[in-house]
Amino acid sequence: MPRPSKAAGSVALVTGANRGIGLAIVAELAARGAKKIYAAVRAPDGLAGEFDELGAVVEVVPLDVTDQAAVQGAAAACSDVNLLVNNAGRFENQRLVLTGDPDAARREMEVNYFGVLSMTRAFAPVLGANGGGYIVNVLSVAGAFPAPFMGGYSPAKAATLFLSSITRSELAGQGTEVTALIVGSVDTRMAAHVQGRKEDPADIARAGLDALDRGEHVADTDFMAIDARARYARDPLRYERGMTKLLKATTMDTGR
């Protein structure tokens, strides 16, 4: 008999919950029987009924993960959370060195790394008080190896992959489990400029929560993530050369 999902009966908070993978995770949590879901979004006024038909208790929480006061306020207001999903992300579509916007990488780091760090620090005692709980960090294949065509996004996600492992070690004593999801190309607004195969966000949400149920530390959620990581592991130098060729063929807004 299969084990019940860890989402069943949980009280979850999902950042970046109003679209793409975040919205799909909210829907999947509801389908798996979450007791309550805090849908954290930067601009609640822009919502248009995204959570109305989910069949679960969804409470919208205004939250910018780069605002430390807002993060602390969310932790105080959502003190019953036992499942934290750090999904909010930012991609500036800029090169890292040869860029016309030198602050783009800083903005990517603020959301994709420091935002996750702030949320993790704020909610660690909440999770501990509620039995340990779970953290799911939605990362990217661009954080599993250097992806030069993704500018500052790649190093920010790589930093958060390390953060996930460190968090797991630091919070082991309170029983908190941490799962990092390595996600490939997904059909979201962030990947609107990407050509080729894209995964359905709903499939990513299912794969991610399945990985959480299995207790995986790092999980590839789709074919692109699995294939890219395997090719990089087999021959990193060849893969880097391929990335360099791809970069030459990729148009990015360098402001030049």
C-alpha atoms as a PDB file:
ATOM      1  CA  MET A   1       0.000   0.000   0.000  1.00  0.00           C
ATOM      2  CA  PRO A   2       1.512   3.352  -1.012  1.00  0.00           C
ATOM      3  CA  ARG A   3       2.425   5.836   1.687  1.00  0.00           C
ATOM      4  CA  PRO A   4       0.283   8.947   1.942  1.00  0.00           C
ATOM      5  CA  SER A   5       1.895  12.058   0.530  1.00  0.00           C
ATOM      6  CA  LYS A   6       3.719  14.332   2.954  1.00  0.00           C
ATOM      7  CA  ALA A   7       1.490  17.068   1.569  1.00  0.00           C
ATOM      8  CA  ALA A   8      -1.611  15.409   3.020  1.00  0.00           C
ATOM      9  CA  GLY A   9      -2.762  17.353   6.070  1.00  0.00           C
ATOM     10  CA  SER A  10       0.134  19.789   5.756  1.00  0.00           C
ATOM     11  CA  VAL A  11       0.124  23.548   6.201  1.00  0.00           C
ATOM     12  CA  ALA A  12       2.226  24.841   3.337  1.00  0.00           C
ATOM     13  CA  LEU A  13       3.584  28.184   2.217  1.00  0.00           C
ATOM     14  CA  VAL A  14       4.571  28.628  -1.436  1.00  0.00           C
ATOM     15  CA  THR A  15       6.421  31.717  -2.654  1.00  0.00           C
ATOM     16  CA  GLY A  16       5.813  32.990  -6.176  1.00  0.00           C
ATOM     17  CA  ALA A  17       2.490  31.188  -5.999  1.00  0.00           C
ATOM     18  CA  ASN A  18       0.433  33.123  -8.523  1.00  0.00           C
ATOM     19  CA  ARG A  19       1.725  31.612 -11.776  1.00  0.00           C
ATOM     20  CA  GLY A  20       3.905  28.999 -13.429  1.00  0.00           C
ATOM     21  CA  ILE A  21       5.479  26.338 -11.243  1.00  0.00           C
ATOM     22  CA  GLY A  22       4.350  28.065  -8.034  1.00  0.00           C
ATOM     23  CA  LEU A  23       0.682  27.974  -9.018  1.00  0.00           C
ATOM     24  CA  ALA A  24       1.052  24.367 -10.165  1.00  0.00           C
ATOM     25  CA  ILE A  25       2.559  23.416  -6.799  1.00  0.00           C
ATOM     26  CA  VAL A  26      -0.330  25.088  -4.974  1.00  0.00           C
ATOM     27  CA  ALA A  27      -2.780  23.096  -7.096  1.00  0.00           C
ATOM     28  CA  GLU A  28      -0.881  19.838  -6.518  1.00  0.00           C
ATOM     29  CA  LEU A  29      -0.707  20.441  -2.774  1.00  0.00           C
ATOM     30  CA  ALA A  30      -4.471  20.931  -2.781  1.00  0.00           C
ATOM     31  CA  ALA A  31      -4.975  17.741  -4.801  1.00  0.00           C
ATOM     32  CA  ARG A  32      -2.873  15.805  -2.282  1.00  0.00           C
ATOM     33  CA  GLY A  33      -4.937  16.973   0.659  1.00  0.00           C
ATOM     34  CA  ALA A  34      -3.066  19.900   2.162  1.00  0.00           C
ATOM     35  CA  LYS A  35      -4.947  21.297   5.128  1.00  0.00           C
ATOM     36  CA  LYS A  36      -4.052  24.911   4.339  1.00  0.00           C
ATOM     37  CA  ILE A  37      -1.908  26.648   1.738  1.00  0.00           C
ATOM     38  CA  TYR A  38      -0.457  30.119   2.127  1.00  0.00           C
ATOM     39  CA  ALA A  39      -0.032  31.481  -1.387  1.00  0.00           C
ATOM     40  CA  ALA A  40       2.698  34.114  -1.103  1.00  0.00           C
ATOM     41  CA  VAL A  41       2.671  36.674  -3.922  1.00  0.00           C
ATOM     42  CA  ARG A  42       4.310  40.050  -4.427  1.00  0.00           C
ATOM     43  CA  ALA A  43       1.199  41.777  -5.827  1.00  0.00           C
ATOM     44  CA  PRO A  44      -2.071  40.340  -4.497  1.00  0.00           C
ATOM     45  CA  ASP A  45      -4.032  43.084  -6.244  1.00  0.00           C
ATOM     46  CA  GLY A  46      -3.111  41.522  -9.576  1.00  0.00           C
ATOM     47  CA  LEU A  47      -4.734  38.167  -8.813  1.00  0.00           C
ATOM     48  CA  ALA A  48      -7.649  37.075 -10.977  1.00  0.00           C
ATOM     49  CA  GLY A  49      -9.160  34.070  -9.204  1.00  0.00           C
ATOM     50  CA  GLU A  50      -6.167  31.742  -9.654  1.00  0.00           C
ATOM     51  CA  PHE A  51      -6.932  29.845  -6.431  1.00  0.00           C
ATOM     52  CA  ASP A  52     -10.735  29.803  -6.531  1.00  0.00           C
ATOM     53  CA  GLU A  53     -11.295  26.252  -7.797  1.00  0.00           C
ATOM     54  CA  LEU A  54      -8.625  24.328  -5.945  1.00  0.00           C
ATOM     55  CA  GLY A  55     -10.803  22.718  -3.303  1.00  0.00           C
ATOM     56  CA  ALA A  56      -8.497  23.682  -0.473  1.00  0.00           C
ATOM     57  CA  VAL A  57      -8.121  26.471   2.040  1.00  0.00           C
ATOM     58  CA  VAL A  58      -5.832  28.960   0.287  1.00  0.00           C
ATOM     59  CA  GLU A  59      -4.852  32.150   2.059  1.00  0.00           C
ATOM     60  CA  VAL A  60      -3.073  34.818   0.023  1.00  0.00           C
ATOM     61  CA  VAL A  61      -0.038  36.353   1.742  1.00  0.00           C
ATOM     62  CA  PRO A  62       1.551  39.540   0.364  1.00  0.00           C
ATOM     63  CA  LEU A  63       5.276  38.837   0.295  1.00  0.00           C
ATOM     64  CA  ASP A  64       8.389  40.120  -1.421  1.00  0.00           C
ATOM     65  CA  VAL A  65      11.167  37.700  -0.454  1.00  0.00           C
ATOM     66  CA  THR A  66      13.768  40.477  -0.752  1.00  0.00           C
ATOM     67  CA  ASP A  67      12.007  42.510   1.973  1.00  0.00           C
ATOM     68  CA  GLN A  68      13.350  41.268   5.296  1.00  0.00           C
ATOM     69  CA  ALA A  69      10.567  42.887   7.340  1.00  0.00           C
ATOM     70  CA  ALA A  70       7.943  41.259   5.111  1.00  0.00           C
ATOM     71  CA  VAL A  71       9.628  37.870   5.456  1.00  0.00           C
ATOM     72  CA  GLN A  72       9.707  38.134   9.243  1.00  0.00           C
ATOM     73  CA  GLY A  73       6.081  39.266   9.223  1.00  0.00           C
ATOM     74  CA  ALA A  74       5.073  36.252   7.141  1.00  0.00           C
ATOM     75  CA  ALA A  75       6.834  33.884   9.547  1.00  0.00           C
ATOM     76  CA  ALA A  76       4.988  35.454  12.475  1.00  0.00           C
ATOM     77  CA  ALA A  77       1.611  35.396  10.712  1.00  0.00           C
ATOM     78  CA  CYS A  78       1.991  31.861   9.316  1.00  0.00           C
ATOM     79  CA  SER A  79       3.223  30.151  12.461  1.00  0.00           C
ATOM     80  CA  ASP A  80       1.465  26.871  11.646  1.00  0.00           C
ATOM     81  CA  VAL A  81       3.529  26.135   8.512  1.00  0.00           C
ATOM     82  CA  ASN A  82       5.240  22.747   8.311  1.00  0.00           C
ATOM     83  CA  LEU A  83       6.015  22.735   4.567  1.00  0.00           C
ATOM     84  CA  LEU A  84       7.912  25.638   2.984  1.00  0.00           C
ATOM     85  CA  VAL A  85       8.268  25.806  -0.801  1.00  0.00           C
ATOM     86  CA  ASN A  86      10.814  28.397  -1.936  1.00  0.00           C
ATOM     87  CA  ASN A  87       9.742  28.886  -5.536  1.00  0.00           C
ATOM     88  CA  ALA A  88       9.965  32.644  -6.223  1.00  0.00           C
ATOM     89  CA  GLY A  89      12.577  33.337  -8.880  1.00  0.00           C
ATOM     90  CA  ARG A  90      13.980  36.049 -11.092  1.00  0.00           C
ATOM     91  CA  PHE A  91      15.684  35.850 -14.489  1.00  0.00           C
ATOM     92  CA  GLU A  92      16.984  39.050 -16.084  1.00  0.00           C
ATOM     93  CA  ASN A  93      18.031  37.567 -19.463  1.00  0.00           C
ATOM     94  CA  GLN A  94      21.383  39.349 -19.246  1.00  0.00           C
ATOM     95  CA  ARG A  95      24.920  38.146 -19.688  1.00  0.00           C
ATOM     96  CA  LEU A  96      27.049  38.042 -16.562  1.00  0.00           C
ATOM     97  CA  VAL A  97      30.216  39.876 -17.659  1.00  0.00           C
ATOM     98  CA  LEU A  98      29.413  41.431 -21.038  1.00  0.00           C
ATOM     99  CA  THR A  99      26.240  43.105 -19.870  1.00  0.00           C
ATOM    100  CA  GLY A 100      24.676  46.518 -20.295  1.00  0.00           C
ATOM    101  CA  ASP A 101      23.010  46.196 -16.869  1.00  0.00           C
ATOM    102  CA  PRO A 102      25.633  45.407 -14.204  1.00  0.00           C
ATOM    103  CA  ASP A 103      22.986  45.352 -11.451  1.00  0.00           C
ATOM    104  CA  ALA A 104      20.989  42.543 -13.098  1.00  0.00           C
ATOM    105  CA  ALA A 105      23.080  39.794 -11.470  1.00  0.00           C
ATOM    106  CA  ARG A 106      22.612  41.420  -8.070  1.00  0.00           C
ATOM    107  CA  ARG A 107      18.824  41.435  -8.510  1.00  0.00           C
ATOM    108  CA  GLU A 108      18.920  37.762  -9.515  1.00  0.00           C
ATOM    109  CA  MET A 109      21.030  36.924  -6.478  1.00  0.00           C
ATOM    110  CA  GLU A 110      18.719  38.883  -4.163  1.00  0.00           C
ATOM    111  CA  VAL A 111      15.681  36.823  -5.171  1.00  0.00           C
ATOM    112  CA  ASN A 112      17.131  33.435  -6.098  1.00  0.00           C
ATOM    113  CA  TYR A 113      19.651  33.146  -3.256  1.00  0.00           C
ATOM    114  CA  PHE A 114      19.213  35.739  -0.522  1.00  0.00           C
ATOM    115  CA  GLY A 115      15.419  35.480  -0.743  1.00  0.00           C
ATOM    116  CA  VAL A 116      15.618  31.737  -0.124  1.00  0.00           C
ATOM    117  CA  LEU A 117      18.135  32.264   2.673  1.00  0.00           C
ATOM    118  CA  SER A 118      15.897  34.853   4.352  1.00  0.00           C
ATOM    119  CA  MET A 119      12.840  32.615   4.104  1.00  0.00           C
ATOM    120  CA  THR A 120      14.770  29.631   5.432  1.00  0.00           C
ATOM    121  CA  ARG A 121      16.148  31.560   8.398  1.00  0.00           C
ATOM    122  CA  ALA A 122      12.751  33.020   9.249  1.00  0.00           C
ATOM    123  CA  PHE A 123      10.818  29.761   8.966  1.00  0.00           C
ATOM    124  CA  ALA A 124      13.392  27.378  10.457  1.00  0.00           C
ATOM    125  CA  PRO A 125      12.094  27.924  14.028  1.00  0.00           C
ATOM    126  CA  VAL A 126       8.505  27.707  12.779  1.00  0.00           C
ATOM    127  CA  LEU A 127       9.188  24.336  11.171  1.00  0.00           C
ATOM    128  CA  GLY A 128      11.037  23.171  14.275  1.00  0.00           C
ATOM    129  CA  ALA A 129       8.126  24.106  16.500  1.00  0.00           C
ATOM    130  CA  ASN A 130       5.789  22.171  14.207  1.00  0.00           C
ATOM    131  CA  GLY A 131       7.643  18.888  14.302  1.00  0.00           C
ATOM    132  CA  GLY A 132      10.505  19.562  11.892  1.00  0.00           C
ATOM    133  CA  GLY A 133       8.623  19.762   8.629  1.00  0.00           C
ATOM    134  CA  TYR A 134       9.909  20.103   5.105  1.00  0.00           C
ATOM    135  CA  ILE A 135      11.599  22.613   2.812  1.00  0.00           C
ATOM    136  CA  VAL A 136      11.411  22.342  -0.973  1.00  0.00           C
ATOM    137  CA  ASN A 137      13.700  24.633  -2.971  1.00  0.00           C
ATOM    138  CA  VAL A 138      12.766  25.012  -6.628  1.00  0.00           C
ATOM    139  CA  LEU A 139      16.086  25.340  -8.459  1.00  0.00           C
ATOM    140  CA  SER A 140      17.257  24.910 -12.038  1.00  0.00           C
ATOM    141  CA  VAL A 141      19.466  22.778 -14.211  1.00  0.00           C
ATOM    142  CA  ALA A 142      21.331  26.077 -14.722  1.00  0.00           C
ATOM    143  CA  GLY A 143      22.357  25.817 -11.073  1.00  0.00           C
ATOM    144  CA  ALA A 144      23.654  22.259 -11.387  1.00  0.00           C
ATOM    145  CA  PHE A 145      26.426  23.291 -13.782  1.00  0.00           C
ATOM    146  CA  PRO A 146      27.609  26.603 -15.308  1.00  0.00           C
ATOM    147  CA  ALA A 147      25.093  27.877 -17.882  1.00  0.00           C
ATOM    148  CA  PRO A 148      26.662  30.965 -19.494  1.00  0.00           C
ATOM    149  CA  PHE A 149      23.574  31.758 -21.550  1.00  0.00           C
ATOM    150  CA  MET A 150      21.672  32.395 -18.301  1.00  0.00           C
ATOM    151  CA  GLY A 151      23.934  35.144 -16.946  1.00  0.00           C
ATOM    152  CA  GLY A 152      23.650  35.759 -13.208  1.00  0.00           C
ATOM    153  CA  TYR A 153      20.742  33.340 -12.817  1.00  0.00           C
ATOM    154  CA  SER A 154      23.033  30.312 -13.085  1.00  0.00           C
ATOM    155  CA  PRO A 155      25.434  31.229 -10.232  1.00  0.00           C
ATOM    156  CA  ALA A 156      22.511  32.347  -8.060  1.00  0.00           C
ATOM    157  CA  LYS A 157      20.796  28.976  -8.432  1.00  0.00           C
ATOM    158  CA  ALA A 158      24.099  27.164  -7.895  1.00  0.00           C
ATOM    159  CA  ALA A 159      24.553  29.042  -4.626  1.00  0.00           C
ATOM    160  CA  THR A 160      21.085  27.966  -3.548  1.00  0.00           C
ATOM    161  CA  LEU A 161      21.873  24.337  -4.351  1.00  0.00           C
ATOM    162  CA  PHE A 162      24.719  24.573  -1.841  1.00  0.00           C
ATOM    163  CA  LEU A 163      22.413  26.429   0.543  1.00  0.00           C
ATOM    164  CA  SER A 164      19.987  23.516   0.370  1.00  0.00           C
ATOM    165  CA  SER A 165      22.647  21.045   1.461  1.00  0.00           C
ATOM    166  CA  ILE A 166      23.902  23.281   4.252  1.00  0.00           C
ATOM    167  CA  THR A 167      20.350  23.851   5.470  1.00  0.00           C
ATOM    168  CA  ARG A 168      19.773  20.101   5.559  1.00  0.00           C
ATOM    169  CA  SER A 169      22.819  19.633   7.783  1.00  0.00           C
ATOM    170  CA  GLU A 170      22.067  22.554  10.083  1.00  0.00           C
ATOM    171  CA  LEU A 171      18.403  21.651  10.591  1.00  0.00           C
ATOM    172  CA  ALA A 172      18.854  17.887  10.844  1.00  0.00           C
ATOM    173  CA  GLY A 173      18.712  18.121  14.617  1.00  0.00           C
ATOM    174  CA  GLN A 174      15.166  19.497  14.536  1.00  0.00           C
ATOM    175  CA  GLY A 175      14.034  16.917  11.962  1.00  0.00           C
ATOM    176  CA  THR A 176      13.589  19.243   8.975  1.00  0.00           C
ATOM    177  CA  GLU A 177      13.885  17.541   5.577  1.00  0.00           C
ATOM    178  CA  VAL A 178      15.176  19.538   2.593  1.00  0.00           C
ATOM    179  CA  THR A 179      14.617  18.671  -1.060  1.00  0.00           C
ATOM    180  CA  ALA A 180      16.226  20.646  -3.904  1.00  0.00           C
ATOM    181  CA  LEU A 181      14.485  20.338  -7.271  1.00  0.00           C
ATOM    182  CA  ILE A 182      16.592  20.559 -10.438  1.00  0.00           C
ATOM    183  CA  VAL A 183      14.184  21.844 -13.081  1.00  0.00           C
ATOM    184  CA  GLY A 184      14.744  22.008 -16.838  1.00  0.00           C
ATOM    185  CA  SER A 185      12.865  24.073 -19.420  1.00  0.00           C
ATOM    186  CA  VAL A 186       9.268  24.676 -18.342  1.00  0.00           C
ATOM    187  CA  ASP A 187       6.397  26.408 -20.106  1.00  0.00           C
ATOM    188  CA  THR A 188       6.267  29.528 -17.932  1.00  0.00           C
ATOM    189  CA  ARG A 189       6.536  33.263 -18.465  1.00  0.00           C
ATOM    190  CA  MET A 190      10.178  33.158 -17.385  1.00  0.00           C
ATOM    191  CA  ALA A 191      10.969  30.768 -20.259  1.00  0.00           C
ATOM    192  CA  ALA A 192       8.870  32.544 -22.895  1.00  0.00           C
ATOM    193  CA  HIS A 193      12.013  33.337 -24.899  1.00  0.00           C
ATOM    194  CA  VAL A 194      13.211  29.714 -24.945  1.00  0.00           C
ATOM    195  CA  GLN A 195      12.687  27.614 -28.081  1.00  0.00           C
ATOM    196  CA  GLY A 196      12.106  23.862 -28.121  1.00  0.00           C
ATOM    197  CA  ARG A 197      10.548  21.397 -25.746  1.00  0.00           C
ATOM    198  CA  LYS A 198       9.080  22.756 -22.535  1.00  0.00           C
ATOM    199  CA  GLU A 199       7.521  20.846 -19.681  1.00  0.00           C
ATOM    200  CA  ASP A 200       4.060  21.437 -18.257  1.00  0.00           C
ATOM    201  CA  PRO A 201       4.347  23.128 -14.811  1.00  0.00           C
ATOM    202  CA  ALA A 202       1.825  20.598 -13.472  1.00  0.00           C
ATOM    203  CA  ASP A 203       4.216  17.750 -14.306  1.00  0.00           C
ATOM    204  CA  ILE A 204       7.041  19.544 -12.503  1.00  0.00           C
ATOM    205  CA  ALA A 205       4.845  20.020  -9.429  1.00  0.00           C
ATOM    206  CA  ARG A 206       3.932  16.332  -9.352  1.00  0.00           C
ATOM    207  CA  ALA A 207       7.537  15.228  -9.822  1.00  0.00           C
ATOM    208  CA  GLY A 208       8.720  17.631  -7.128  1.00  0.00           C
ATOM    209  CA  LEU A 209       6.241  16.511  -4.499  1.00  0.00           C
ATOM    210  CA  ASP A 210       6.905  12.876  -5.395  1.00  0.00           C
ATOM    211  CA  ALA A 211      10.598  13.531  -4.733  1.00  0.00           C
ATOM    212  CA  LEU A 212       9.696  15.055  -1.375  1.00  0.00           C
ATOM    213  CA  ASP A 213       7.655  11.964  -0.525  1.00  0.00           C
ATOM    214  CA  ARG A 214      10.640   9.762  -1.351  1.00  0.00           C
ATOM    215  CA  GLY A 215      12.911  11.861   0.842  1.00  0.00           C
ATOM    216  CA  GLU A 216      15.285  12.755  -1.999  1.00  0.00           C
ATOM    217  CA  HIS A 217      17.905  15.384  -1.280  1.00  0.00           C
ATOM    218  CA  VAL A 218      18.352  16.534  -4.890  1.00  0.00           C
ATOM    219  CA  ALA A 219      15.878  15.520  -7.576  1.00  0.00           C
ATOM    220  CA  ASP A 220      15.720  16.015 -11.331  1.00  0.00           C
ATOM    221  CA  THR A 221      12.120  16.792 -12.244  1.00  0.00           C
ATOM    222  CA  ASP A 222      12.095  16.265 -16.020  1.00  0.00           C
ATOM    223  CA  PHE A 223      13.913  14.879 -19.067  1.00  0.00           C
ATOM    224  CA  MET A 224      15.988  17.984 -19.755  1.00  0.00           C
ATOM    225  CA  ALA A 225      17.320  18.088 -16.207  1.00  0.00           C
ATOM    226  CA  ILE A 226      18.194  14.384 -16.257  1.00  0.00           C
ATOM    227  CA  ASP A 227      19.783  14.494 -19.719  1.00  0.00           C
ATOM    228  CA  ALA A 228      21.762  17.699 -19.180  1.00  0.00           C
ATOM    229  CA  ARG A 229      23.153  16.604 -15.821  1.00  0.00           C
ATOM    230  CA  ALA A 230      24.124  13.197 -17.250  1.00  0.00           C
ATOM    231  CA  ARG A 231      25.916  14.751 -20.241  1.00  0.00           C
ATOM    232  CA  TYR A 232      27.762  17.194 -18.010  1.00  0.00           C
ATOM    233  CA  ALA A 233      28.834  14.402 -15.642  1.00  0.00           C
ATOM    234  CA  ARG A 234      30.171  12.294 -18.526  1.00  0.00           C
ATOM    235  CA  ASP A 235      32.340  15.000 -20.092  1.00  0.00           C
ATOM    236  CA  PRO A 236      32.313  18.449 -18.425  1.00  0.00           C
ATOM    237  CA  LEU A 237      34.846  19.936 -20.881  1.00  0.00           C
ATOM    238  CA  ARG A 238      32.859  18.872 -23.930  1.00  0.00           C
ATOM    239  CA  TYR A 239      29.687  20.165 -22.360  1.00  0.00           C
ATOM    240  CA  GLU A 240      31.303  23.532 -21.603  1.00  0.00           C
ATOM    241  CA  ARG A 241      32.449  23.826 -25.206  1.00  0.00           C
ATOM    242  CA  GLY A 242      28.878  23.125 -26.295  1.00  0.00           C
ATOM    243  CA  MET A 243      27.628  25.832 -23.943  1.00  0.00           C
ATOM    244  CA  THR A 244      30.104  28.285 -25.464  1.00  0.00           C
ATOM    245  CA  LYS A 245      28.768  27.537 -28.951  1.00  0.00           C
ATOM    246  CA  LEU A 246      25.218  27.904 -27.698  1.00  0.00           C
ATOM    247  CA  LEU A 247      26.079  31.235 -26.103  1.00  0.00           C
ATOM    248  CA  LYS A 248      27.382  32.553 -29.410  1.00  0.00           C
ATOM    249  CA  ALA A 249      24.071  31.622 -31.027  1.00  0.00           C
ATOM    250  CA  THR A 250      21.946  33.029 -28.209  1.00  0.00           C
ATOM    251  CA  THR A 251      20.668  36.577 -28.351  1.00  0.00           C
ATOM    252  CA  MET A 252      20.587  38.289 -24.974  1.00  0.00           C
ATOM    253  CA  ASP A 253      19.802  41.863 -24.083  1.00  0.00           C
ATOM    254  CA  THR A 254      23.259  43.231 -23.284  1.00  0.00           C
ATOM    255  CA  GLY A 255      22.272  46.850 -23.757  1.00  0.00           C
ATOM    256  CA  ARG A 256      25.097  47.258 -26.261  1.00  0.00           C
END
